[in-house]
Amino acid sequence: MIIYETILQRLNESFITEHLFLENESFKHNVPSNSESHFKLVIVSNNFNNMPKVQRHQDIYSALSDVMNKIHALSIQAFTLDEYEKNPVILESPDCSKK
């Protein structure tokens, strides 16, 4: 899980997080077992206060610039602590694997 650990490290270096959830969802896709190609990120940080969602995503992509070319997909849900406490809706990712 080298990419997984790298993503966590970069995010922890770049943001002060209240909650950080990262899931390797590669198993939901048609990729070899033990792949690290598809990730779901839920991050709660007051670094995002007064910041539009697009800017939040841009900041996350910037923090992960050395990792993004190694993965296929990153689903991002970025909240402020206030947003998360008021409505902590975490979206489910589809299962895209070929069965």
Protein backbone atom coordinates (compact mmCIF):
# COMPACT_ATOMS: atom_id res chain seq x y z
CA MET A 1 0.00 0.00 0.00
CA ILE A 2 2.71 2.46 -0.97
CA ILE A 3 0.44 4.93 -2.79
CA TYR A 4 -2.17 4.81 -0.02
CA GLU A 5 0.44 5.68 2.61
CA THR A 6 1.92 8.42 0.42
CA ILE A 7 -1.50 10.05 -0.02
CA LEU A 8 -2.09 10.04 3.74
CA GLN A 9 1.37 11.46 4.39
CA ARG A 10 0.98 14.30 1.86
CA LEU A 11 -2.46 15.25 3.18
CA ASN A 12 -1.29 15.25 6.80
CA GLU A 13 1.67 17.44 5.82
CA SER A 14 -0.54 19.91 3.93
CA PHE A 15 -3.70 20.18 6.03
CA ILE A 16 -4.69 20.30 9.67
CA THR A 17 -7.40 17.65 9.61
CA GLU A 18 -10.26 16.99 11.99
CA HIS A 19 -11.15 13.79 10.13
CA LEU A 20 -9.33 12.02 7.34
CA PHE A 21 -10.69 8.93 5.65
CA LEU A 22 -9.02 7.32 2.66
CA GLU A 23 -10.23 4.12 1.08
CA ASN A 24 -8.59 2.17 -1.69
CA GLU A 25 -11.58 1.35 -3.89
CA SER A 26 -9.61 -0.36 -6.63
CA PHE A 27 -11.34 -3.64 -5.84
CA LYS A 28 -14.57 -2.07 -7.17
CA HIS A 29 -13.00 -1.73 -10.62
CA ASN A 30 -11.72 -4.03 -13.29
CA VAL A 31 -8.06 -3.92 -12.23
CA PRO A 32 -5.61 -6.53 -10.97
CA SER A 33 -5.90 -7.50 -7.31
CA ASN A 34 -3.86 -5.39 -4.89
CA SER A 35 -4.01 -2.41 -7.25
CA GLU A 36 -3.82 1.14 -5.98
CA SER A 37 -5.61 2.94 -8.78
CA HIS A 38 -8.94 4.23 -7.39
CA PHE A 39 -9.32 6.06 -4.08
CA LYS A 40 -12.08 7.72 -2.10
CA LEU A 41 -11.11 10.62 0.15
CA VAL A 42 -13.17 12.29 2.85
CA ILE A 43 -11.26 15.13 4.47
CA VAL A 44 -12.51 17.54 7.12
CA SER A 45 -10.34 20.56 7.74
CA ASN A 46 -10.81 24.15 8.73
CA ASN A 47 -8.16 24.93 6.13
CA PHE A 48 -11.20 24.91 3.84
CA ASN A 49 -13.05 27.70 5.67
CA ASN A 50 -14.32 30.38 3.24
CA MET A 51 -13.02 28.36 0.31
CA PRO A 52 -15.16 27.21 -2.62
CA LYS A 53 -15.22 23.47 -3.31
CA VAL A 54 -13.24 23.88 -6.52
CA GLN A 55 -10.40 25.56 -4.62
CA ARG A 56 -10.47 22.82 -1.97
CA HIS A 57 -10.02 20.19 -4.67
CA GLN A 58 -7.26 22.21 -6.32
CA ASP A 59 -5.41 22.44 -3.01
CA ILE A 60 -5.74 18.70 -2.49
CA TYR A 61 -4.51 17.98 -6.03
CA SER A 62 -1.59 20.32 -5.41
CA ALA A 63 -0.69 18.49 -2.20
CA LEU A 64 -0.84 15.20 -4.11
CA SER A 65 0.93 16.41 -7.26
CA ASP A 66 3.58 13.68 -7.14
CA VAL A 67 0.93 10.96 -6.67
CA MET A 68 -1.81 11.93 -9.10
CA ASN A 69 0.02 10.58 -12.15
CA LYS A 70 0.21 7.16 -10.46
CA ILE A 71 -3.52 6.69 -9.90
CA HIS A 72 -6.55 6.60 -12.14
CA ALA A 73 -9.22 8.19 -9.94
CA LEU A 74 -9.62 10.11 -6.71
CA SER A 75 -13.09 10.83 -5.38
CA ILE A 76 -12.92 13.84 -3.05
CA GLN A 77 -15.36 15.03 -0.42
CA ALA A 78 -13.80 18.01 1.35
CA PHE A 79 -15.62 19.62 4.27
CA THR A 80 -15.03 22.27 6.89
CA LEU A 81 -15.67 21.02 10.41
CA ASP A 82 -18.90 23.04 10.58
CA GLU A 83 -20.17 21.56 7.29
CA TYR A 84 -19.32 18.05 8.39
CA GLU A 85 -21.00 18.43 11.78
CA LYS A 86 -24.18 19.84 10.22
CA ASN A 87 -24.48 17.32 7.39
CA PRO A 88 -21.94 14.47 7.35
CA VAL A 89 -23.30 12.84 4.21
CA ILE A 90 -20.67 10.60 2.68
CA LEU A 91 -21.48 9.50 -0.85
CA GLU A 92 -21.14 5.85 -1.79
CA SER A 93 -18.99 4.98 -4.77
CA PRO A 94 -20.39 2.71 -7.46
CA ASP A 95 -19.07 -0.79 -7.96
CA CYS A 96 -17.68 -0.60 -11.49
CA SER A 97 -16.05 -4.01 -11.59
CA LYS A 98 -16.96 -6.46 -14.30
CA LYS A 99 -18.54 -9.48 -12.72
